[in-house]
Amino acid sequence: MKHAGLLVLALAAALNAAPALAATPTDSSAGTPGAIERAEAKASAALLADAVGYLHKHGPDKAFTAFNDRKGAFVHGARYVYVVGSDGIMYANGGAPDVLVGVDVRDLHDEAGKPFMRELLDKARNGDAGVVEYRWLNRANNHIENKTVSFRKVGKYIVCVGYYIPRSAAEEAQALLEKAVAQMQTAGVAPAYQSFNDPKGGFIRGDLYVFAIGIDDGKYRASGASPQLVGTDARELHDAAGKPLIQEIITLAKEKGSGTVDYVWRNPATNAIEAKHSLIQRVGDVLVGVGYYSK
């Protein structure tokens, strides 16, 4: 086994030198609330079950060889199998086999400093299956994202498969807002609204989408996550905590022309109620906004 002191170098190599994996496909319903997470969770559970079955049938040596094969049956885009022993040693890792296999990963932390491997080992000591969440590099898009990992124990081995859920940053929301404003100014408002409401129009990206509301009448002109809201009066809408958020957004647009409003709202990617921060900009008699979520 490699010395645990190599862990930092190994991790750096895994994050910076490993080749990117192909993007993970999602089902055709990915534009609907929670569909991204449901599809990813289902696919990850199936891969975990396959890996556990393979390990039972073929034993550790053959199974680990299969799990470490980046072009094999156990690497599906951003989803892959990894196996940690109860001793903290990484025995297989379809994402970075060259640098992490054989390494003592007990002191491995995620991007936010969370000792997630310690948490995984602790949970595995107390149960045969469970879930751990942490932030990790998604090599499909080279972004640090939230990862949900399910595990099952097979003897002394902990077999793991995880999936990523997009959680965009403020900079990404700002870039999409600027693109939306430019679309209104160049293509015209009606074509712009149509593209904002179209799941394939280029203005819905993971948990990001564009909304547009009339400043005077409070009616939705566009809502990428819920196009059925178009034409409805949004002024009486409150967030999950009872905050009259649309009134606050309209007031901000009238008084300052742009800014940020914080509230709690359903994330269409996770279908969970989360803190949301909407960046808005006034364009004539309409306010255009893009919000990003924080867990």
C-alpha atoms as a PDB file:
ATOM      1  CA  MET A   1       0.000   0.000   0.000  1.00  0.00           C
ATOM      2  CA  LYS A   2       1.134   3.566  -0.649  1.00  0.00           C
ATOM      3  CA  HIS A   3       2.023   5.710   2.316  1.00  0.00           C
ATOM      4  CA  ALA A   4      -0.753   7.931   3.643  1.00  0.00           C
ATOM      5  CA  GLY A   5       1.587  10.907   3.251  1.00  0.00           C
ATOM      6  CA  LEU A   6       1.074  10.667  -0.500  1.00  0.00           C
ATOM      7  CA  LEU A   7      -2.602  11.539  -0.114  1.00  0.00           C
ATOM      8  CA  VAL A   8      -2.287  15.256  -0.788  1.00  0.00           C
ATOM      9  CA  LEU A   9      -0.209  14.685  -3.920  1.00  0.00           C
ATOM     10  CA  ALA A  10      -2.545  11.949  -5.054  1.00  0.00           C
ATOM     11  CA  LEU A  11      -5.605  14.106  -4.616  1.00  0.00           C
ATOM     12  CA  ALA A  12      -4.024  17.031  -6.431  1.00  0.00           C
ATOM     13  CA  ALA A  13      -3.202  14.765  -9.320  1.00  0.00           C
ATOM     14  CA  ALA A  14      -6.708  13.339  -9.346  1.00  0.00           C
ATOM     15  CA  LEU A  15      -8.301  16.773  -9.459  1.00  0.00           C
ATOM     16  CA  ASN A  16      -5.953  18.400 -11.941  1.00  0.00           C
ATOM     17  CA  ALA A  17      -4.490  15.742 -14.184  1.00  0.00           C
ATOM     18  CA  ALA A  18      -7.146  13.075 -14.660  1.00  0.00           C
ATOM     19  CA  PRO A  19      -8.866  13.188 -18.057  1.00  0.00           C
ATOM     20  CA  ALA A  20     -12.389  14.533 -18.174  1.00  0.00           C
ATOM     21  CA  LEU A  21     -15.201  12.033 -18.452  1.00  0.00           C
ATOM     22  CA  ALA A  22     -18.041  12.229 -20.903  1.00  0.00           C
ATOM     23  CA  ALA A  23     -21.109  14.138 -19.809  1.00  0.00           C
ATOM     24  CA  THR A  24     -23.717  12.080 -18.036  1.00  0.00           C
ATOM     25  CA  PRO A  25     -26.939  11.821 -20.029  1.00  0.00           C
ATOM     26  CA  THR A  26     -30.262  12.506 -18.348  1.00  0.00           C
ATOM     27  CA  ASP A  27     -33.738  11.423 -19.307  1.00  0.00           C
ATOM     28  CA  SER A  28     -36.062  13.432 -21.521  1.00  0.00           C
ATOM     29  CA  SER A  29     -37.968  14.745 -18.517  1.00  0.00           C
ATOM     30  CA  ALA A  30     -34.928  16.553 -17.125  1.00  0.00           C
ATOM     31  CA  GLY A  31     -36.650  19.914 -17.445  1.00  0.00           C
ATOM     32  CA  THR A  32     -39.365  18.967 -14.951  1.00  0.00           C
ATOM     33  CA  PRO A  33     -39.117  19.631 -11.197  1.00  0.00           C
ATOM     34  CA  GLY A  34     -36.796  17.201  -9.453  1.00  0.00           C
ATOM     35  CA  ALA A  35     -36.307  15.087 -12.589  1.00  0.00           C
ATOM     36  CA  ILE A  36     -32.553  15.634 -12.660  1.00  0.00           C
ATOM     37  CA  GLU A  37     -32.097  14.324  -9.130  1.00  0.00           C
ATOM     38  CA  ARG A  38     -34.585  11.479  -9.556  1.00  0.00           C
ATOM     39  CA  ALA A  39     -32.914  10.287 -12.751  1.00  0.00           C
ATOM     40  CA  GLU A  40     -29.427  10.502 -11.273  1.00  0.00           C
ATOM     41  CA  ALA A  41     -30.438   8.808  -8.017  1.00  0.00           C
ATOM     42  CA  LYS A  42     -32.112   5.958  -9.909  1.00  0.00           C
ATOM     43  CA  ALA A  43     -29.131   5.419 -12.223  1.00  0.00           C
ATOM     44  CA  SER A  44     -26.671   5.542  -9.317  1.00  0.00           C
ATOM     45  CA  ALA A  45     -28.693   3.039  -7.287  1.00  0.00           C
ATOM     46  CA  ALA A  46     -28.711   0.660 -10.265  1.00  0.00           C
ATOM     47  CA  LEU A  47     -24.948   0.988 -10.717  1.00  0.00           C
ATOM     48  CA  LEU A  48     -24.363   0.382  -7.002  1.00  0.00           C
ATOM     49  CA  ALA A  49     -26.534  -2.750  -7.087  1.00  0.00           C
ATOM     50  CA  ASP A  50     -24.618  -4.028 -10.126  1.00  0.00           C
ATOM     51  CA  ALA A  51     -21.287  -3.391  -8.423  1.00  0.00           C
ATOM     52  CA  VAL A  52     -22.313  -5.145  -5.212  1.00  0.00           C
ATOM     53  CA  GLY A  53     -23.596  -8.119  -7.176  1.00  0.00           C
ATOM     54  CA  TYR A  54     -20.399  -8.298  -9.201  1.00  0.00           C
ATOM     55  CA  LEU A  55     -18.247  -8.201  -6.074  1.00  0.00           C
ATOM     56  CA  HIS A  56     -20.277 -10.983  -4.471  1.00  0.00           C
ATOM     57  CA  LYS A  57     -20.064 -13.155  -7.574  1.00  0.00           C
ATOM     58  CA  HIS A  58     -16.471 -12.620  -8.695  1.00  0.00           C
ATOM     59  CA  GLY A  59     -14.566 -11.656  -5.544  1.00  0.00           C
ATOM     60  CA  PRO A  60     -12.404  -8.617  -4.752  1.00  0.00           C
ATOM     61  CA  ASP A  61      -9.538  -9.039  -7.232  1.00  0.00           C
ATOM     62  CA  LYS A  62     -11.643  -9.362 -10.365  1.00  0.00           C
ATOM     63  CA  ALA A  63     -14.206  -6.816  -9.144  1.00  0.00           C
ATOM     64  CA  PHE A  64     -11.641  -4.143  -8.322  1.00  0.00           C
ATOM     65  CA  THR A  65      -9.996  -4.579 -11.707  1.00  0.00           C
ATOM     66  CA  ALA A  66     -13.381  -4.040 -13.345  1.00  0.00           C
ATOM     67  CA  PHE A  67     -14.235  -1.031 -11.162  1.00  0.00           C
ATOM     68  CA  ASN A  68     -10.880   0.630 -11.947  1.00  0.00           C
ATOM     69  CA  ASP A  69     -11.334   0.335 -15.714  1.00  0.00           C
ATOM     70  CA  ARG A  70     -12.246   3.843 -16.876  1.00  0.00           C
ATOM     71  CA  LYS A  71     -13.634   2.421 -20.110  1.00  0.00           C
ATOM     72  CA  GLY A  72     -15.378  -0.497 -18.449  1.00  0.00           C
ATOM     73  CA  ALA A  73     -18.944  -1.285 -17.495  1.00  0.00           C
ATOM     74  CA  PHE A  74     -18.725   0.428 -14.100  1.00  0.00           C
ATOM     75  CA  VAL A  75     -17.898   3.941 -15.283  1.00  0.00           C
ATOM     76  CA  HIS A  76     -20.958   5.788 -16.629  1.00  0.00           C
ATOM     77  CA  GLY A  77     -19.950   9.355 -17.393  1.00  0.00           C
ATOM     78  CA  ALA A  78     -19.688  11.198 -14.076  1.00  0.00           C
ATOM     79  CA  ARG A  79     -20.928   8.120 -12.186  1.00  0.00           C
ATOM     80  CA  TYR A  80     -18.399   5.515 -11.150  1.00  0.00           C
ATOM     81  CA  VAL A  81     -17.777   2.965  -8.434  1.00  0.00           C
ATOM     82  CA  TYR A  82     -15.249   3.352  -5.668  1.00  0.00           C
ATOM     83  CA  VAL A  83     -14.476   0.967  -2.827  1.00  0.00           C
ATOM     84  CA  VAL A  84     -12.999   1.829   0.562  1.00  0.00           C
ATOM     85  CA  GLY A  85     -11.976  -0.785   3.101  1.00  0.00           C
ATOM     86  CA  SER A  86     -12.856  -0.586   6.758  1.00  0.00           C
ATOM     87  CA  ASP A  87      -9.129   0.111   7.181  1.00  0.00           C
ATOM     88  CA  GLY A  88      -9.506   3.388   5.239  1.00  0.00           C
ATOM     89  CA  ILE A  89      -7.641   2.166   2.148  1.00  0.00           C
ATOM     90  CA  MET A  90      -9.079   2.960  -1.283  1.00  0.00           C
ATOM     91  CA  TYR A  91      -9.224  -0.377  -3.129  1.00  0.00           C
ATOM     92  CA  ALA A  92     -10.936   0.798  -6.290  1.00  0.00           C
ATOM     93  CA  ASN A  93     -11.840   4.138  -7.832  1.00  0.00           C
ATOM     94  CA  GLY A  94     -13.235   4.449 -11.339  1.00  0.00           C
ATOM     95  CA  GLY A  95     -12.666   8.217 -11.319  1.00  0.00           C
ATOM     96  CA  ALA A  96      -8.962   8.304 -10.461  1.00  0.00           C
ATOM     97  CA  PRO A  97      -7.571   4.767 -10.136  1.00  0.00           C
ATOM     98  CA  ASP A  98      -3.982   5.734 -10.905  1.00  0.00           C
ATOM     99  CA  VAL A  99      -3.614   8.093  -7.984  1.00  0.00           C
ATOM    100  CA  LEU A 100      -6.103   7.084  -5.292  1.00  0.00           C
ATOM    101  CA  VAL A 101      -6.084   3.293  -5.310  1.00  0.00           C
ATOM    102  CA  GLY A 102      -3.920   2.018  -2.464  1.00  0.00           C
ATOM    103  CA  VAL A 103      -4.024   5.308  -0.594  1.00  0.00           C
ATOM    104  CA  ASP A 104      -5.195   5.698   3.010  1.00  0.00           C
ATOM    105  CA  VAL A 105      -8.071   8.167   2.541  1.00  0.00           C
ATOM    106  CA  ARG A 106      -9.264   8.473   6.131  1.00  0.00           C
ATOM    107  CA  ASP A 107      -8.116  12.101   6.318  1.00  0.00           C
ATOM    108  CA  LEU A 108      -9.517  13.086   2.928  1.00  0.00           C
ATOM    109  CA  HIS A 109     -11.579  16.305   3.051  1.00  0.00           C
ATOM    110  CA  ASP A 110     -13.856  17.805   0.447  1.00  0.00           C
ATOM    111  CA  GLU A 111     -13.652  21.279  -1.108  1.00  0.00           C
ATOM    112  CA  ALA A 112     -15.410  22.793   1.922  1.00  0.00           C
ATOM    113  CA  GLY A 113     -13.106  21.070   4.410  1.00  0.00           C
ATOM    114  CA  LYS A 114     -15.587  18.370   5.418  1.00  0.00           C
ATOM    115  CA  PRO A 115     -13.894  15.092   6.539  1.00  0.00           C
ATOM    116  CA  PHE A 116     -16.335  13.058   4.469  1.00  0.00           C
ATOM    117  CA  MET A 117     -14.306   9.847   4.466  1.00  0.00           C
ATOM    118  CA  ARG A 118     -14.363   9.782   8.255  1.00  0.00           C
ATOM    119  CA  GLU A 119     -18.127  10.246   8.076  1.00  0.00           C
ATOM    120  CA  LEU A 120     -18.423   7.415   5.525  1.00  0.00           C
ATOM    121  CA  LEU A 121     -16.377   5.041   7.673  1.00  0.00           C
ATOM    122  CA  ASP A 122     -18.309   5.976  10.820  1.00  0.00           C
ATOM    123  CA  LYS A 123     -21.647   5.348   9.112  1.00  0.00           C
ATOM    124  CA  ALA A 124     -20.423   2.048   7.687  1.00  0.00           C
ATOM    125  CA  ARG A 125     -19.410   0.901  11.155  1.00  0.00           C
ATOM    126  CA  ASN A 126     -22.961   1.471  12.346  1.00  0.00           C
ATOM    127  CA  GLY A 127     -24.908   0.182   9.354  1.00  0.00           C
ATOM    128  CA  ASP A 128     -24.693  -1.869   6.177  1.00  0.00           C
ATOM    129  CA  ALA A 129     -25.915   0.957   3.928  1.00  0.00           C
ATOM    130  CA  GLY A 130     -26.194   4.714   4.004  1.00  0.00           C
ATOM    131  CA  VAL A 131     -25.625   8.053   2.327  1.00  0.00           C
ATOM    132  CA  VAL A 132     -22.896  10.687   2.568  1.00  0.00           C
ATOM    133  CA  GLU A 133     -22.974  14.135   0.964  1.00  0.00           C
ATOM    134  CA  TYR A 134     -19.986  16.308   0.138  1.00  0.00           C
ATOM    135  CA  ARG A 135     -18.573  18.670  -2.504  1.00  0.00           C
ATOM    136  CA  TRP A 136     -16.341  17.147  -5.161  1.00  0.00           C
ATOM    137  CA  LEU A 137     -15.011  17.705  -8.670  1.00  0.00           C
ATOM    138  CA  ASN A 138     -17.403  16.641 -11.422  1.00  0.00           C
ATOM    139  CA  ARG A 139     -15.050  15.750 -14.249  1.00  0.00           C
ATOM    140  CA  ALA A 140     -17.888  15.904 -16.762  1.00  0.00           C
ATOM    141  CA  ASN A 141     -17.889  19.695 -16.496  1.00  0.00           C
ATOM    142  CA  ASN A 142     -14.800  20.383 -14.331  1.00  0.00           C
ATOM    143  CA  HIS A 143     -16.959  22.071 -11.651  1.00  0.00           C
ATOM    144  CA  ILE A 144     -16.976  21.487  -7.914  1.00  0.00           C
ATOM    145  CA  GLU A 145     -20.542  20.325  -7.159  1.00  0.00           C
ATOM    146  CA  ASN A 146     -22.567  18.706  -4.416  1.00  0.00           C
ATOM    147  CA  LYS A 147     -22.237  14.945  -4.563  1.00  0.00           C
ATOM    148  CA  THR A 148     -24.585  12.431  -2.956  1.00  0.00           C
ATOM    149  CA  VAL A 149     -22.951   9.045  -2.404  1.00  0.00           C
ATOM    150  CA  SER A 150     -24.782   5.877  -1.438  1.00  0.00           C
ATOM    151  CA  PHE A 151     -22.831   2.954  -0.004  1.00  0.00           C
ATOM    152  CA  ARG A 152     -23.332  -0.710   0.792  1.00  0.00           C
ATOM    153  CA  LYS A 153     -21.026  -2.966   2.798  1.00  0.00           C
ATOM    154  CA  VAL A 154     -19.742  -6.239   1.433  1.00  0.00           C
ATOM    155  CA  GLY A 155     -17.678  -7.796   4.193  1.00  0.00           C
ATOM    156  CA  LYS A 156     -14.855  -5.410   5.014  1.00  0.00           C
ATOM    157  CA  TYR A 157     -15.418  -3.393   1.842  1.00  0.00           C
ATOM    158  CA  ILE A 158     -17.623  -0.310   1.433  1.00  0.00           C
ATOM    159  CA  VAL A 159     -18.899  -0.051  -2.133  1.00  0.00           C
ATOM    160  CA  CYS A 160     -19.876   3.484  -3.154  1.00  0.00           C
ATOM    161  CA  VAL A 161     -21.558   5.220  -6.092  1.00  0.00           C
ATOM    162  CA  GLY A 162     -22.425   8.906  -6.181  1.00  0.00           C
ATOM    163  CA  TYR A 163     -24.159  11.431  -8.381  1.00  0.00           C
ATOM    164  CA  TYR A 164     -23.869  15.187  -8.774  1.00  0.00           C
ATOM    165  CA  ILE A 165     -26.579  17.803  -8.505  1.00  0.00           C
ATOM    166  CA  PRO A 166     -25.899  21.152 -10.181  1.00  0.00           C
ATOM    167  CA  ARG A 167     -25.748  24.116  -7.833  1.00  0.00           C
ATOM    168  CA  SER A 168     -24.687  27.169  -9.792  1.00  0.00           C
ATOM    169  CA  ALA A 169     -22.642  30.067  -8.492  1.00  0.00           C
ATOM    170  CA  ALA A 170     -23.547  33.753  -8.403  1.00  0.00           C
ATOM    171  CA  GLU A 171     -21.173  34.413 -11.306  1.00  0.00           C
ATOM    172  CA  GLU A 172     -23.013  31.884 -13.474  1.00  0.00           C
ATOM    173  CA  ALA A 173     -26.374  33.442 -12.588  1.00  0.00           C
ATOM    174  CA  GLN A 174     -25.048  36.887 -13.456  1.00  0.00           C
ATOM    175  CA  ALA A 175     -23.739  35.660 -16.802  1.00  0.00           C
ATOM    176  CA  LEU A 176     -27.115  34.122 -17.679  1.00  0.00           C
ATOM    177  CA  LEU A 177     -28.919  37.323 -16.649  1.00  0.00           C
ATOM    178  CA  GLU A 178     -26.666  39.378 -18.905  1.00  0.00           C
ATOM    179  CA  LYS A 179     -27.312  36.964 -21.766  1.00  0.00           C
ATOM    180  CA  ALA A 180     -31.075  37.240 -21.205  1.00  0.00           C
ATOM    181  CA  VAL A 181     -30.998  41.046 -21.207  1.00  0.00           C
ATOM    182  CA  ALA A 182     -28.930  41.027 -24.390  1.00  0.00           C
ATOM    183  CA  GLN A 183     -31.427  38.611 -25.976  1.00  0.00           C
ATOM    184  CA  MET A 184     -34.287  41.015 -25.236  1.00  0.00           C
ATOM    185  CA  GLN A 185     -32.372  43.941 -26.666  1.00  0.00           C
ATOM    186  CA  THR A 186     -31.266  42.206 -29.859  1.00  0.00           C
ATOM    187  CA  ALA A 187     -33.988  39.666 -30.679  1.00  0.00           C
ATOM    188  CA  GLY A 188     -36.956  41.573 -29.286  1.00  0.00           C
ATOM    189  CA  VAL A 189     -39.038  40.898 -26.214  1.00  0.00           C
ATOM    190  CA  ALA A 190     -41.508  38.367 -27.644  1.00  0.00           C
ATOM    191  CA  PRO A 191     -38.845  36.052 -29.155  1.00  0.00           C
ATOM    192  CA  ALA A 192     -36.805  36.463 -25.977  1.00  0.00           C
ATOM    193  CA  TYR A 193     -39.705  35.375 -23.750  1.00  0.00           C
ATOM    194  CA  GLN A 194     -40.288  32.389 -26.004  1.00  0.00           C
ATOM    195  CA  SER A 195     -36.670  31.285 -25.646  1.00  0.00           C
ATOM    196  CA  PHE A 196     -36.727  31.863 -21.858  1.00  0.00           C
ATOM    197  CA  ASN A 197     -39.731  29.527 -21.556  1.00  0.00           C
ATOM    198  CA  ASP A 198     -38.336  26.871 -23.893  1.00  0.00           C
ATOM    199  CA  PRO A 199     -36.412  24.038 -22.119  1.00  0.00           C
ATOM    200  CA  LYS A 200     -34.236  23.890 -25.243  1.00  0.00           C
ATOM    201  CA  GLY A 201     -33.969  27.645 -25.720  1.00  0.00           C
ATOM    202  CA  GLY A 202     -30.580  27.990 -24.049  1.00  0.00           C
ATOM    203  CA  PHE A 203     -31.800  29.783 -20.917  1.00  0.00           C
ATOM    204  CA  ILE A 204     -32.359  26.825 -18.581  1.00  0.00           C
ATOM    205  CA  ARG A 205     -29.112  25.431 -17.201  1.00  0.00           C
ATOM    206  CA  GLY A 206     -29.341  22.939 -14.365  1.00  0.00           C
ATOM    207  CA  ASP A 207     -30.778  24.935 -11.446  1.00  0.00           C
ATOM    208  CA  LEU A 208     -30.613  28.252 -13.333  1.00  0.00           C
ATOM    209  CA  TYR A 209     -33.474  29.710 -15.343  1.00  0.00           C
ATOM    210  CA  VAL A 210     -34.731  33.139 -16.416  1.00  0.00           C
ATOM    211  CA  PHE A 211     -37.937  34.795 -15.245  1.00  0.00           C
ATOM    212  CA  ALA A 212     -39.475  38.069 -16.418  1.00  0.00           C
ATOM    213  CA  ILE A 213     -42.259  40.031 -14.698  1.00  0.00           C
ATOM    214  CA  GLY A 214     -44.069  43.212 -15.688  1.00  0.00           C
ATOM    215  CA  ILE A 215     -43.251  46.022 -13.280  1.00  0.00           C
ATOM    216  CA  ASP A 216     -46.642  47.711 -13.543  1.00  0.00           C
ATOM    217  CA  ASP A 217     -49.021  44.737 -13.780  1.00  0.00           C
ATOM    218  CA  GLY A 218     -46.930  42.145 -11.896  1.00  0.00           C
ATOM    219  CA  LYS A 219     -47.625  39.480 -14.512  1.00  0.00           C
ATOM    220  CA  TYR A 220     -45.173  36.820 -15.579  1.00  0.00           C
ATOM    221  CA  ARG A 221     -43.841  37.244 -19.099  1.00  0.00           C
ATOM    222  CA  ALA A 222     -41.532  34.246 -18.697  1.00  0.00           C
ATOM    223  CA  SER A 223     -40.628  31.609 -16.126  1.00  0.00           C
ATOM    224  CA  GLY A 224     -38.233  28.944 -17.336  1.00  0.00           C
ATOM    225  CA  ALA A 225     -38.940  26.553 -14.461  1.00  0.00           C
ATOM    226  CA  SER A 226     -42.738  26.972 -14.640  1.00  0.00           C
ATOM    227  CA  PRO A 227     -43.864  28.374 -18.007  1.00  0.00           C
ATOM    228  CA  GLN A 228     -47.470  27.708 -17.033  1.00  0.00           C
ATOM    229  CA  LEU A 229     -47.204  30.809 -14.827  1.00  0.00           C
ATOM    230  CA  VAL A 230     -46.958  33.095 -17.862  1.00  0.00           C
ATOM    231  CA  GLY A 231     -49.794  35.636 -17.758  1.00  0.00           C
ATOM    232  CA  THR A 232     -50.556  35.148 -14.070  1.00  0.00           C
ATOM    233  CA  ASP A 233     -50.251  37.940 -11.511  1.00  0.00           C
ATOM    234  CA  ALA A 234     -47.230  37.254  -9.300  1.00  0.00           C
ATOM    235  CA  ARG A 235     -47.598  40.156  -6.872  1.00  0.00           C
ATOM    236  CA  GLU A 236     -49.267  38.137  -4.131  1.00  0.00           C
ATOM    237  CA  LEU A 237     -46.682  35.359  -4.289  1.00  0.00           C
ATOM    238  CA  HIS A 238     -44.871  34.656  -1.036  1.00  0.00           C
ATOM    239  CA  ASP A 239     -41.892  32.437  -0.476  1.00  0.00           C
ATOM    240  CA  ALA A 240     -41.896  29.351   1.758  1.00  0.00           C
ATOM    241  CA  ALA A 241     -41.250  31.559   4.783  1.00  0.00           C
ATOM    242  CA  GLY A 242     -44.136  33.920   3.979  1.00  0.00           C
ATOM    243  CA  LYS A 243     -42.023  36.729   2.511  1.00  0.00           C
ATOM    244  CA  PRO A 244     -43.797  38.828  -0.187  1.00  0.00           C
ATOM    245  CA  LEU A 245     -40.869  38.364  -2.509  1.00  0.00           C
ATOM    246  CA  ILE A 246     -42.364  39.579  -5.806  1.00  0.00           C
ATOM    247  CA  GLN A 247     -43.421  42.857  -4.247  1.00  0.00           C
ATOM    248  CA  GLU A 248     -39.880  43.269  -2.951  1.00  0.00           C
ATOM    249  CA  ILE A 249     -38.398  42.411  -6.355  1.00  0.00           C
ATOM    250  CA  ILE A 250     -40.688  44.914  -8.137  1.00  0.00           C
ATOM    251  CA  THR A 251     -39.849  47.635  -5.615  1.00  0.00           C
ATOM    252  CA  LEU A 252     -36.145  46.995  -6.107  1.00  0.00           C
ATOM    253  CA  ALA A 253     -36.510  47.201  -9.893  1.00  0.00           C
ATOM    254  CA  LYS A 254     -38.466  50.477  -9.650  1.00  0.00           C
ATOM    255  CA  GLU A 255     -36.162  52.166  -7.164  1.00  0.00           C
ATOM    256  CA  LYS A 256     -32.715  50.927  -8.159  1.00  0.00           C
ATOM    257  CA  GLY A 257     -33.072  49.178 -11.519  1.00  0.00           C
ATOM    258  CA  SER A 258     -31.029  46.181 -10.417  1.00  0.00           C
ATOM    259  CA  GLY A 259     -29.936  44.256  -7.353  1.00  0.00           C
ATOM    260  CA  THR A 260     -30.382  41.034  -5.402  1.00  0.00           C
ATOM    261  CA  VAL A 261     -33.286  39.656  -3.370  1.00  0.00           C
ATOM    262  CA  ASP A 262     -32.857  36.742  -0.952  1.00  0.00           C
ATOM    263  CA  TYR A 263     -35.651  34.296  -0.127  1.00  0.00           C
ATOM    264  CA  VAL A 264     -36.444  30.561   0.029  1.00  0.00           C
ATOM    265  CA  TRP A 265     -37.814  28.729  -3.008  1.00  0.00           C
ATOM    266  CA  ARG A 266     -38.111  25.307  -4.630  1.00  0.00           C
ATOM    267  CA  ASN A 267     -35.007  24.281  -6.556  1.00  0.00           C
ATOM    268  CA  PRO A 268     -36.229  22.665  -9.810  1.00  0.00           C
ATOM    269  CA  ALA A 269     -33.132  20.474  -9.966  1.00  0.00           C
ATOM    270  CA  THR A 270     -33.491  18.982  -6.473  1.00  0.00           C
ATOM    271  CA  ASN A 271     -37.196  19.622  -5.812  1.00  0.00           C
ATOM    272  CA  ALA A 272     -36.176  20.842  -2.339  1.00  0.00           C
ATOM    273  CA  ILE A 273     -36.931  24.171  -0.654  1.00  0.00           C
ATOM    274  CA  GLU A 274     -33.631  26.041  -0.501  1.00  0.00           C
ATOM    275  CA  ALA A 275     -32.236  29.531   0.022  1.00  0.00           C
ATOM    276  CA  LYS A 276     -32.379  31.439  -3.256  1.00  0.00           C
ATOM    277  CA  HIS A 277     -30.702  34.661  -4.322  1.00  0.00           C
ATOM    278  CA  SER A 278     -32.216  36.312  -7.385  1.00  0.00           C
ATOM    279  CA  LEU A 279     -30.272  38.847  -9.409  1.00  0.00           C
ATOM    280  CA  ILE A 280     -32.631  41.197 -11.227  1.00  0.00           C
ATOM    281  CA  GLN A 281     -32.351  43.940 -13.830  1.00  0.00           C
ATOM    282  CA  ARG A 282     -34.947  46.318 -15.202  1.00  0.00           C
ATOM    283  CA  VAL A 283     -35.430  46.389 -18.968  1.00  0.00           C
ATOM    284  CA  GLY A 284     -38.048  49.000 -19.819  1.00  0.00           C
ATOM    285  CA  ASP A 285     -41.282  48.106 -18.042  1.00  0.00           C
ATOM    286  CA  VAL A 286     -40.142  44.553 -17.255  1.00  0.00           C
ATOM    287  CA  LEU A 287     -37.779  43.112 -14.669  1.00  0.00           C
ATOM    288  CA  VAL A 288     -35.641  40.146 -15.692  1.00  0.00           C
ATOM    289  CA  GLY A 289     -34.157  37.829 -13.100  1.00  0.00           C
ATOM    290  CA  VAL A 290     -32.000  34.770 -12.590  1.00  0.00           C
ATOM    291  CA  GLY A 291     -31.637  33.113  -9.208  1.00  0.00           C
ATOM    292  CA  TYR A 292     -29.087  30.725  -7.772  1.00  0.00           C
ATOM    293  CA  TYR A 293     -29.537  28.387  -4.814  1.00  0.00           C
ATOM    294  CA  SER A 294     -27.523  27.656  -1.692  1.00  0.00           C
ATOM    295  CA  LYS A 295     -28.186  24.637   0.473  1.00  0.00           C
END
